[in-house]
Amino acid sequence: ITSLAIGFVLGFVALWVVRGLFPDD
């Protein structure tokens, strides 16, 4: 759970950085 939570947070940050590539939902 800890590793997946870290991966989720890192993924969230990475997606936030490239948020212009996605429609704003």
mmCIF file of all heavy atoms, coordinates in Angstrom:
data_MODEL
# 
_entry.id   MODEL 
# 
loop_
_atom_site.group_PDB 
_atom_site.id 
_atom_site.type_symbol 
_atom_site.label_atom_id 
_atom_site.label_alt_id 
_atom_site.label_comp_id 
_atom_site.label_asym_id 
_atom_site.label_entity_id 
_atom_site.label_seq_id 
_atom_site.pdbx_PDB_ins_code 
_atom_site.Cartn_x 
_atom_site.Cartn_y 
_atom_site.Cartn_z 
_atom_site.occupancy 
_atom_site.B_iso_or_equiv 
_atom_site.pdbx_formal_charge 
_atom_site.auth_seq_id 
_atom_site.auth_comp_id 
_atom_site.auth_asym_id 
_atom_site.auth_atom_id 
_atom_site.pdbx_PDB_model_num 
ATOM 1   N N   . ILE A 1 1  ? 0.838   -1.203 0.000   1.00 0.00 ? 1  ILE A N   1 
ATOM 2   C CA  . ILE A 1 1  ? 0.000   0.000  0.000   1.00 0.00 ? 1  ILE A CA  1 
ATOM 3   C C   . ILE A 1 1  ? 0.873   1.253  0.000   1.00 0.00 ? 1  ILE A C   1 
ATOM 4   O O   . ILE A 1 1  ? 0.582   2.219  -0.713  1.00 0.00 ? 1  ILE A O   1 
ATOM 5   C CB  . ILE A 1 1  ? -0.946  -0.005 1.229   1.00 0.00 ? 1  ILE A CB  1 
ATOM 6   C CG1 . ILE A 1 1  ? -1.926  -1.175 1.144   1.00 0.00 ? 1  ILE A CG1 1 
ATOM 7   C CG2 . ILE A 1 1  ? -1.682  1.305  1.371   1.00 0.00 ? 1  ILE A CG2 1 
ATOM 8   C CD1 . ILE A 1 1  ? -2.905  -1.069 0.004   1.00 0.00 ? 1  ILE A CD1 1 
ATOM 9   N N   . THR A 1 2  ? 1.950   1.221  0.773   1.00 0.00 ? 2  THR A N   1 
ATOM 10  C CA  . THR A 1 2  ? 2.848   2.375  0.843   1.00 0.00 ? 2  THR A CA  1 
ATOM 11  C C   . THR A 1 2  ? 3.477   2.662  -0.511  1.00 0.00 ? 2  THR A C   1 
ATOM 12  O O   . THR A 1 2  ? 3.505   3.818  -0.964  1.00 0.00 ? 2  THR A O   1 
ATOM 13  C CB  . THR A 1 2  ? 3.954   2.136  1.892   1.00 0.00 ? 2  THR A CB  1 
ATOM 14  O OG1 . THR A 1 2  ? 3.341   1.801  3.132   1.00 0.00 ? 2  THR A OG1 1 
ATOM 15  C CG2 . THR A 1 2  ? 4.832   3.346  2.056   1.00 0.00 ? 2  THR A CG2 1 
ATOM 16  N N   . SER A 1 3  ? 3.974   1.649  -1.169  1.00 0.00 ? 3  SER A N   1 
ATOM 17  C CA  . SER A 1 3  ? 4.615   1.827  -2.463  1.00 0.00 ? 3  SER A CA  1 
ATOM 18  C C   . SER A 1 3  ? 3.613   2.323  -3.500  1.00 0.00 ? 3  SER A C   1 
ATOM 19  O O   . SER A 1 3  ? 3.926   3.215  -4.304  1.00 0.00 ? 3  SER A O   1 
ATOM 20  C CB  . SER A 1 3  ? 5.240   0.516  -2.926  1.00 0.00 ? 3  SER A CB  1 
ATOM 21  O OG  . SER A 1 3  ? 5.830   0.667  -4.196  1.00 0.00 ? 3  SER A OG  1 
ATOM 22  N N   . LEU A 1 4  ? 2.412   1.757  -3.506  1.00 0.00 ? 4  LEU A N   1 
ATOM 23  C CA  . LEU A 1 4  ? 1.396   2.203  -4.459  1.00 0.00 ? 4  LEU A CA  1 
ATOM 24  C C   . LEU A 1 4  ? 0.951   3.635  -4.169  1.00 0.00 ? 4  LEU A C   1 
ATOM 25  O O   . LEU A 1 4  ? 0.678   4.406  -5.103  1.00 0.00 ? 4  LEU A O   1 
ATOM 26  C CB  . LEU A 1 4  ? 0.205   1.249  -4.450  1.00 0.00 ? 4  LEU A CB  1 
ATOM 27  C CG  . LEU A 1 4  ? 0.477   -0.146 -5.013  1.00 0.00 ? 4  LEU A CG  1 
ATOM 28  C CD1 . LEU A 1 4  ? -0.744  -1.029 -4.856  1.00 0.00 ? 4  LEU A CD1 1 
ATOM 29  C CD2 . LEU A 1 4  ? 0.919   -0.081 -6.463  1.00 0.00 ? 4  LEU A CD2 1 
ATOM 30  N N   . ALA A 1 5  ? 0.869   4.009  -2.894  1.00 0.00 ? 5  ALA A N   1 
ATOM 31  C CA  . ALA A 1 5  ? 0.507   5.389  -2.543  1.00 0.00 ? 5  ALA A CA  1 
ATOM 32  C C   . ALA A 1 5  ? 1.580   6.363  -3.024  1.00 0.00 ? 5  ALA A C   1 
ATOM 33  O O   . ALA A 1 5  ? 1.262   7.431  -3.569  1.00 0.00 ? 5  ALA A O   1 
ATOM 34  C CB  . ALA A 1 5  ? 0.305   5.513  -1.035  1.00 0.00 ? 5  ALA A CB  1 
ATOM 35  N N   . ILE A 1 6  ? 2.842   5.984  -2.846  1.00 0.00 ? 6  ILE A N   1 
ATOM 36  C CA  . ILE A 1 6  ? 3.935   6.830  -3.338  1.00 0.00 ? 6  ILE A CA  1 
ATOM 37  C C   . ILE A 1 6  ? 3.847   6.953  -4.860  1.00 0.00 ? 6  ILE A C   1 
ATOM 38  O O   . ILE A 1 6  ? 3.986   8.040  -5.418  1.00 0.00 ? 6  ILE A O   1 
ATOM 39  C CB  . ILE A 1 6  ? 5.294   6.272  -2.894  1.00 0.00 ? 6  ILE A CB  1 
ATOM 40  C CG1 . ILE A 1 6  ? 5.459   6.441  -1.387  1.00 0.00 ? 6  ILE A CG1 1 
ATOM 41  C CG2 . ILE A 1 6  ? 6.438   6.953  -3.641  1.00 0.00 ? 6  ILE A CG2 1 
ATOM 42  C CD1 . ILE A 1 6  ? 6.648   5.705  -0.813  1.00 0.00 ? 6  ILE A CD1 1 
ATOM 43  N N   . GLY A 1 7  ? 3.600   5.834  -5.536  1.00 0.00 ? 7  GLY A N   1 
ATOM 44  C CA  . GLY A 1 7  ? 3.451   5.859  -6.982  1.00 0.00 ? 7  GLY A CA  1 
ATOM 45  C C   . GLY A 1 7  ? 2.276   6.709  -7.426  1.00 0.00 ? 7  GLY A C   1 
ATOM 46  O O   . GLY A 1 7  ? 2.354   7.420  -8.431  1.00 0.00 ? 7  GLY A O   1 
ATOM 47  N N   . PHE A 1 8  ? 1.177   6.671  -6.665  1.00 0.00 ? 8  PHE A N   1 
ATOM 48  C CA  . PHE A 1 8  ? 0.007   7.485  -6.997  1.00 0.00 ? 8  PHE A CA  1 
ATOM 49  C C   . PHE A 1 8  ? 0.338   8.971  -6.867  1.00 0.00 ? 8  PHE A C   1 
ATOM 50  O O   . PHE A 1 8  ? -0.009  9.773  -7.742  1.00 0.00 ? 8  PHE A O   1 
ATOM 51  C CB  . PHE A 1 8  ? -1.175  7.115  -6.099  1.00 0.00 ? 8  PHE A CB  1 
ATOM 52  C CG  . PHE A 1 8  ? -2.468  7.746  -6.518  1.00 0.00 ? 8  PHE A CG  1 
ATOM 53  C CD1 . PHE A 1 8  ? -3.252  7.169  -7.494  1.00 0.00 ? 8  PHE A CD1 1 
ATOM 54  C CD2 . PHE A 1 8  ? -2.894  8.937  -5.949  1.00 0.00 ? 8  PHE A CD2 1 
ATOM 55  C CE1 . PHE A 1 8  ? -4.441  7.746  -7.900  1.00 0.00 ? 8  PHE A CE1 1 
ATOM 56  C CE2 . PHE A 1 8  ? -4.072  9.535  -6.350  1.00 0.00 ? 8  PHE A CE2 1 
ATOM 57  C CZ  . PHE A 1 8  ? -4.855  8.935  -7.320  1.00 0.00 ? 8  PHE A CZ  1 
ATOM 58  N N   . VAL A 1 9  ? 1.014   9.334  -5.784  1.00 0.00 ? 9  VAL A N   1 
ATOM 59  C CA  . VAL A 1 9  ? 1.381   10.740 -5.573  1.00 0.00 ? 9  VAL A CA  1 
ATOM 60  C C   . VAL A 1 9  ? 2.356   11.201 -6.656  1.00 0.00 ? 9  VAL A C   1 
ATOM 61  O O   . VAL A 1 9  ? 2.186   12.289 -7.231  1.00 0.00 ? 9  VAL A O   1 
ATOM 62  C CB  . VAL A 1 9  ? 1.971   10.946 -4.160  1.00 0.00 ? 9  VAL A CB  1 
ATOM 63  C CG1 . VAL A 1 9  ? 2.586   12.323 -4.016  1.00 0.00 ? 9  VAL A CG1 1 
ATOM 64  C CG2 . VAL A 1 9  ? 0.898   10.724 -3.102  1.00 0.00 ? 9  VAL A CG2 1 
ATOM 65  N N   . LEU A 1 10 ? 3.366   10.393 -6.949  1.00 0.00 ? 10 LEU A N   1 
ATOM 66  C CA  . LEU A 1 10 ? 4.318   10.763 -8.005  1.00 0.00 ? 10 LEU A CA  1 
ATOM 67  C C   . LEU A 1 10 ? 3.627   10.862 -9.368  1.00 0.00 ? 10 LEU A C   1 
ATOM 68  O O   . LEU A 1 10 ? 3.911   11.765 -10.165 1.00 0.00 ? 10 LEU A O   1 
ATOM 69  C CB  . LEU A 1 10 ? 5.465   9.761  -8.061  1.00 0.00 ? 10 LEU A CB  1 
ATOM 70  C CG  . LEU A 1 10 ? 6.431   9.792  -6.869  1.00 0.00 ? 10 LEU A CG  1 
ATOM 71  C CD1 . LEU A 1 10 ? 7.439   8.656  -6.977  1.00 0.00 ? 10 LEU A CD1 1 
ATOM 72  C CD2 . LEU A 1 10 ? 7.126   11.132 -6.772  1.00 0.00 ? 10 LEU A CD2 1 
ATOM 73  N N   . GLY A 1 11 ? 2.707   9.936  -9.632  1.00 0.00 ? 11 GLY A N   1 
ATOM 74  C CA  . GLY A 1 11 ? 1.945   9.990  -10.876 1.00 0.00 ? 11 GLY A CA  1 
ATOM 75  C C   . GLY A 1 11 ? 1.065   11.222 -10.947 1.00 0.00 ? 11 GLY A C   1 
ATOM 76  O O   . GLY A 1 11 ? 0.942   11.856 -12.008 1.00 0.00 ? 11 GLY A O   1 
ATOM 77  N N   . PHE A 1 12 ? 0.461   11.585 -9.820  1.00 0.00 ? 12 PHE A N   1 
ATOM 78  C CA  . PHE A 1 12 ? -0.377  12.787 -9.765  1.00 0.00 ? 12 PHE A CA  1 
ATOM 79  C C   . PHE A 1 12 ? 0.449   14.026 -10.097 1.00 0.00 ? 12 PHE A C   1 
ATOM 80  O O   . PHE A 1 12 ? 0.036   14.874 -10.890 1.00 0.00 ? 12 PHE A O   1 
ATOM 81  C CB  . PHE A 1 12 ? -1.029  12.918 -8.386  1.00 0.00 ? 12 PHE A CB  1 
ATOM 82  C CG  . PHE A 1 12 ? -1.925  14.114 -8.255  1.00 0.00 ? 12 PHE A CG  1 
ATOM 83  C CD1 . PHE A 1 12 ? -3.227  14.068 -8.706  1.00 0.00 ? 12 PHE A CD1 1 
ATOM 84  C CD2 . PHE A 1 12 ? -1.457  15.293 -7.689  1.00 0.00 ? 12 PHE A CD2 1 
ATOM 85  C CE1 . PHE A 1 12 ? -4.062  15.172 -8.594  1.00 0.00 ? 12 PHE A CE1 1 
ATOM 86  C CE2 . PHE A 1 12 ? -2.270  16.400 -7.572  1.00 0.00 ? 12 PHE A CE2 1 
ATOM 87  C CZ  . PHE A 1 12 ? -3.579  16.342 -8.022  1.00 0.00 ? 12 PHE A CZ  1 
ATOM 88  N N   . VAL A 1 13 ? 1.634   14.117 -9.492  1.00 0.00 ? 13 VAL A N   1 
ATOM 89  C CA  . VAL A 1 13 ? 2.513   15.264 -9.748  1.00 0.00 ? 13 VAL A CA  1 
ATOM 90  C C   . VAL A 1 13 ? 2.941   15.284 -11.222 1.00 0.00 ? 13 VAL A C   1 
ATOM 91  O O   . VAL A 1 13 ? 2.924   16.343 -11.865 1.00 0.00 ? 13 VAL A O   1 
ATOM 92  C CB  . VAL A 1 13 ? 3.738   15.239 -8.806  1.00 0.00 ? 13 VAL A CB  1 
ATOM 93  C CG1 . VAL A 1 13 ? 4.764   16.283 -9.210  1.00 0.00 ? 13 VAL A CG1 1 
ATOM 94  C CG2 . VAL A 1 13 ? 3.295   15.449 -7.364  1.00 0.00 ? 13 VAL A CG2 1 
ATOM 95  N N   . ALA A 1 14 ? 3.310   14.137 -11.769 1.00 0.00 ? 14 ALA A N   1 
ATOM 96  C CA  . ALA A 1 14 ? 3.730   14.068 -13.170 1.00 0.00 ? 14 ALA A CA  1 
ATOM 97  C C   . ALA A 1 14 ? 2.584   14.477 -14.097 1.00 0.00 ? 14 ALA A C   1 
ATOM 98  O O   . ALA A 1 14 ? 2.787   15.225 -15.069 1.00 0.00 ? 14 ALA A O   1 
ATOM 99  C CB  . ALA A 1 14 ? 4.215   12.664 -13.511 1.00 0.00 ? 14 ALA A CB  1 
ATOM 100 N N   . LEU A 1 15 ? 1.377   14.004 -13.807 1.00 0.00 ? 15 LEU A N   1 
ATOM 101 C CA  . LEU A 1 15 ? 0.225   14.372 -14.631 1.00 0.00 ? 15 LEU A CA  1 
ATOM 102 C C   . LEU A 1 15 ? -0.126  15.845 -14.472 1.00 0.00 ? 15 LEU A C   1 
ATOM 103 O O   . LEU A 1 15 ? -0.569  16.491 -15.434 1.00 0.00 ? 15 LEU A O   1 
ATOM 104 C CB  . LEU A 1 15 ? -0.974  13.493 -14.278 1.00 0.00 ? 15 LEU A CB  1 
ATOM 105 C CG  . LEU A 1 15 ? -0.857  12.039 -14.712 1.00 0.00 ? 15 LEU A CG  1 
ATOM 106 C CD1 . LEU A 1 15 ? -1.976  11.207 -14.112 1.00 0.00 ? 15 LEU A CD1 1 
ATOM 107 C CD2 . LEU A 1 15 ? -0.854  11.930 -16.226 1.00 0.00 ? 15 LEU A CD2 1 
ATOM 108 N N   . TRP A 1 16 ? 0.086   16.377 -13.287 1.00 0.00 ? 16 TRP A N   1 
ATOM 109 C CA  . TRP A 1 16 ? -0.193  17.795 -13.073 1.00 0.00 ? 16 TRP A CA  1 
ATOM 110 C C   . TRP A 1 16 ? 0.760   18.655 -13.901 1.00 0.00 ? 16 TRP A C   1 
ATOM 111 O O   . TRP A 1 16 ? 0.362   19.690 -14.439 1.00 0.00 ? 16 TRP A O   1 
ATOM 112 C CB  . TRP A 1 16 ? -0.074  18.131 -11.588 1.00 0.00 ? 16 TRP A CB  1 
ATOM 113 C CG  . TRP A 1 16 ? -0.417  19.558 -11.290 1.00 0.00 ? 16 TRP A CG  1 
ATOM 114 C CD1 . TRP A 1 16 ? -1.664  20.098 -11.192 1.00 0.00 ? 16 TRP A CD1 1 
ATOM 115 C CD2 . TRP A 1 16 ? 0.498   20.633 -11.086 1.00 0.00 ? 16 TRP A CD2 1 
ATOM 116 N NE1 . TRP A 1 16 ? -1.586  21.436 -10.934 1.00 0.00 ? 16 TRP A NE1 1 
ATOM 117 C CE2 . TRP A 1 16 ? -0.257  21.798 -10.860 1.00 0.00 ? 16 TRP A CE2 1 
ATOM 118 C CE3 . TRP A 1 16 ? 1.880   20.714 -11.059 1.00 0.00 ? 16 TRP A CE3 1 
ATOM 119 C CZ2 . TRP A 1 16 ? 0.320   23.025 -10.623 1.00 0.00 ? 16 TRP A CZ2 1 
ATOM 120 C CZ3 . TRP A 1 16 ? 2.456   21.954 -10.814 1.00 0.00 ? 16 TRP A CZ3 1 
ATOM 121 C CH2 . TRP A 1 16 ? 1.681   23.088 -10.600 1.00 0.00 ? 16 TRP A CH2 1 
ATOM 122 N N   . VAL A 1 17 ? 1.996   18.208 -14.007 1.00 0.00 ? 17 VAL A N   1 
ATOM 123 C CA  . VAL A 1 17 ? 2.988   18.951 -14.794 1.00 0.00 ? 17 VAL A CA  1 
ATOM 124 C C   . VAL A 1 17 ? 2.563   19.009 -16.262 1.00 0.00 ? 17 VAL A C   1 
ATOM 125 O O   . VAL A 1 17 ? 2.730   20.036 -16.921 1.00 0.00 ? 17 VAL A O   1 
ATOM 126 C CB  . VAL A 1 17 ? 4.399   18.324 -14.642 1.00 0.00 ? 17 VAL A CB  1 
ATOM 127 C CG1 . VAL A 1 17 ? 5.376   18.895 -15.645 1.00 0.00 ? 17 VAL A CG1 1 
ATOM 128 C CG2 . VAL A 1 17 ? 4.913   18.529 -13.219 1.00 0.00 ? 17 VAL A CG2 1 
ATOM 129 N N   . VAL A 1 18 ? 1.995   17.926 -16.776 1.00 0.00 ? 18 VAL A N   1 
ATOM 130 C CA  . VAL A 1 18 ? 1.592   17.883 -18.191 1.00 0.00 ? 18 VAL A CA  1 
ATOM 131 C C   . VAL A 1 18 ? 0.078   18.008 -18.348 1.00 0.00 ? 18 VAL A C   1 
ATOM 132 O O   . VAL A 1 18 ? -0.497  17.509 -19.311 1.00 0.00 ? 18 VAL A O   1 
ATOM 133 C CB  . VAL A 1 18 ? 2.101   16.581 -18.864 1.00 0.00 ? 18 VAL A CB  1 
ATOM 134 C CG1 . VAL A 1 18 ? 3.616   16.559 -18.902 1.00 0.00 ? 18 VAL A CG1 1 
ATOM 135 C CG2 . VAL A 1 18 ? 1.544   15.351 -18.196 1.00 0.00 ? 18 VAL A CG2 1 
ATOM 136 N N   . ARG A 1 19 ? -0.567  18.683 -17.425 1.00 0.00 ? 19 ARG A N   1 
ATOM 137 C CA  . ARG A 1 19 ? -2.036  18.770 -17.420 1.00 0.00 ? 19 ARG A CA  1 
ATOM 138 C C   . ARG A 1 19 ? -2.605  19.435 -18.673 1.00 0.00 ? 19 ARG A C   1 
ATOM 139 O O   . ARG A 1 19 ? -3.761  19.235 -19.011 1.00 0.00 ? 19 ARG A O   1 
ATOM 140 C CB  . ARG A 1 19 ? -2.534  19.482 -16.177 1.00 0.00 ? 19 ARG A CB  1 
ATOM 141 C CG  . ARG A 1 19 ? -2.181  20.935 -16.083 1.00 0.00 ? 19 ARG A CG  1 
ATOM 142 C CD  . ARG A 1 19 ? -2.591  21.519 -14.728 1.00 0.00 ? 19 ARG A CD  1 
ATOM 143 N NE  . ARG A 1 19 ? -2.172  22.888 -14.593 1.00 0.00 ? 19 ARG A NE  1 
ATOM 144 C CZ  . ARG A 1 19 ? -0.955  23.288 -14.206 1.00 0.00 ? 19 ARG A CZ  1 
ATOM 145 N NH1 . ARG A 1 19 ? -0.048  22.387 -13.918 1.00 0.00 ? 19 ARG A NH1 1 
ATOM 146 N NH2 . ARG A 1 19 ? -0.673  24.566 -14.108 1.00 0.00 ? 19 ARG A NH2 1 
ATOM 147 N N   . GLY A 1 20 ? -1.799  20.206 -19.384 1.00 0.00 ? 20 GLY A N   1 
ATOM 148 C CA  . GLY A 1 20 ? -2.270  20.837 -20.614 1.00 0.00 ? 20 GLY A CA  1 
ATOM 149 C C   . GLY A 1 20 ? -2.576  19.836 -21.711 1.00 0.00 ? 20 GLY A C   1 
ATOM 150 O O   . GLY A 1 20 ? -3.285  20.156 -22.668 1.00 0.00 ? 20 GLY A O   1 
ATOM 151 N N   . LEU A 1 21 ? -2.080  18.616 -21.580 1.00 0.00 ? 21 LEU A N   1 
ATOM 152 C CA  . LEU A 1 21 ? -2.325  17.589 -22.593 1.00 0.00 ? 21 LEU A CA  1 
ATOM 153 C C   . LEU A 1 21 ? -3.697  16.930 -22.445 1.00 0.00 ? 21 LEU A C   1 
ATOM 154 O O   . LEU A 1 21 ? -4.122  16.201 -23.329 1.00 0.00 ? 21 LEU A O   1 
ATOM 155 C CB  . LEU A 1 21 ? -1.242  16.507 -22.513 1.00 0.00 ? 21 LEU A CB  1 
ATOM 156 C CG  . LEU A 1 21 ? 0.203   16.960 -22.744 1.00 0.00 ? 21 LEU A CG  1 
ATOM 157 C CD1 . LEU A 1 21 ? 1.154   15.800 -22.498 1.00 0.00 ? 21 LEU A CD1 1 
ATOM 158 C CD2 . LEU A 1 21 ? 0.352   17.492 -24.155 1.00 0.00 ? 21 LEU A CD2 1 
ATOM 159 N N   . PHE A 1 22 ? -4.353  17.177 -21.323 1.00 0.00 ? 22 PHE A N   1 
ATOM 160 C CA  . PHE A 1 22 ? -5.628  16.511 -21.032 1.00 0.00 ? 22 PHE A CA  1 
ATOM 161 C C   . PHE A 1 22 ? -6.749  17.539 -20.973 1.00 0.00 ? 22 PHE A C   1 
ATOM 162 O O   . PHE A 1 22 ? -6.528  18.684 -20.582 1.00 0.00 ? 22 PHE A O   1 
ATOM 163 C CB  . PHE A 1 22 ? -5.554  15.788 -19.682 1.00 0.00 ? 22 PHE A CB  1 
ATOM 164 C CG  . PHE A 1 22 ? -4.456  14.766 -19.615 1.00 0.00 ? 22 PHE A CG  1 
ATOM 165 C CD1 . PHE A 1 22 ? -3.267  15.042 -18.948 1.00 0.00 ? 22 PHE A CD1 1 
ATOM 166 C CD2 . PHE A 1 22 ? -4.594  13.531 -20.213 1.00 0.00 ? 22 PHE A CD2 1 
ATOM 167 C CE1 . PHE A 1 22 ? -2.258  14.114 -18.877 1.00 0.00 ? 22 PHE A CE1 1 
ATOM 168 C CE2 . PHE A 1 22 ? -3.590  12.591 -20.150 1.00 0.00 ? 22 PHE A CE2 1 
ATOM 169 C CZ  . PHE A 1 22 ? -2.412  12.884 -19.488 1.00 0.00 ? 22 PHE A CZ  1 
ATOM 170 N N   . PRO A 1 23 ? -7.956  17.123 -21.333 1.00 0.00 ? 23 PRO A N   1 
ATOM 171 C CA  . PRO A 1 23 ? -9.088  18.042 -21.158 1.00 0.00 ? 23 PRO A CA  1 
ATOM 172 C C   . PRO A 1 23 ? -9.319  18.271 -19.666 1.00 0.00 ? 23 PRO A C   1 
ATOM 173 O O   . PRO A 1 23 ? -9.116  17.379 -18.844 1.00 0.00 ? 23 PRO A O   1 
ATOM 174 C CB  . PRO A 1 23 ? -10.264 17.298 -21.795 1.00 0.00 ? 23 PRO A CB  1 
ATOM 175 C CG  . PRO A 1 23 ? -9.860  15.867 -21.815 1.00 0.00 ? 23 PRO A CG  1 
ATOM 176 C CD  . PRO A 1 23 ? -8.358  15.837 -21.887 1.00 0.00 ? 23 PRO A CD  1 
ATOM 177 N N   . ASP A 1 24 ? -9.722  19.479 -19.313 1.00 0.00 ? 24 ASP A N   1 
ATOM 178 C CA  . ASP A 1 24 ? -9.925  19.826 -17.901 1.00 0.00 ? 24 ASP A CA  1 
ATOM 179 C C   . ASP A 1 24 ? -11.244 19.227 -17.405 1.00 0.00 ? 24 ASP A C   1 
ATOM 180 O O   . ASP A 1 24 ? -12.317 19.682 -17.771 1.00 0.00 ? 24 ASP A O   1 
ATOM 181 C CB  . ASP A 1 24 ? -9.940  21.337 -17.733 1.00 0.00 ? 24 ASP A CB  1 
ATOM 182 C CG  . ASP A 1 24 ? -10.034 21.748 -16.270 1.00 0.00 ? 24 ASP A CG  1 
ATOM 183 O OD1 . ASP A 1 24 ? -9.688  20.923 -15.402 1.00 0.00 ? 24 ASP A OD1 1 
ATOM 184 O OD2 . ASP A 1 24 ? -10.449 22.884 -16.006 1.00 0.00 ? 24 ASP A OD2 1 
ATOM 185 N N   . ASP A 1 25 ? -11.131 18.181 -16.593 1.00 0.00 ? 25 ASP A N   1 
ATOM 186 C CA  . ASP A 1 25 ? -12.334 17.565 -16.028 1.00 0.00 ? 25 ASP A CA  1 
ATOM 187 C C   . ASP A 1 25 ? -12.403 17.743 -14.514 1.00 0.00 ? 25 ASP A C   1 
ATOM 188 O O   . ASP A 1 25 ? -13.217 17.127 -13.845 1.00 0.00 ? 25 ASP A O   1 
ATOM 189 C CB  . ASP A 1 25 ? -12.405 16.079 -16.391 1.00 0.00 ? 25 ASP A CB  1 
ATOM 190 C CG  . ASP A 1 25 ? -11.299 15.266 -15.741 1.00 0.00 ? 25 ASP A CG  1 
ATOM 191 O OD1 . ASP A 1 25 ? -10.360 15.868 -15.201 1.00 0.00 ? 25 ASP A OD1 1 
ATOM 192 O OD2 . ASP A 1 25 ? -11.389 14.029 -15.767 1.00 0.00 ? 25 ASP A OD2 1 
# 
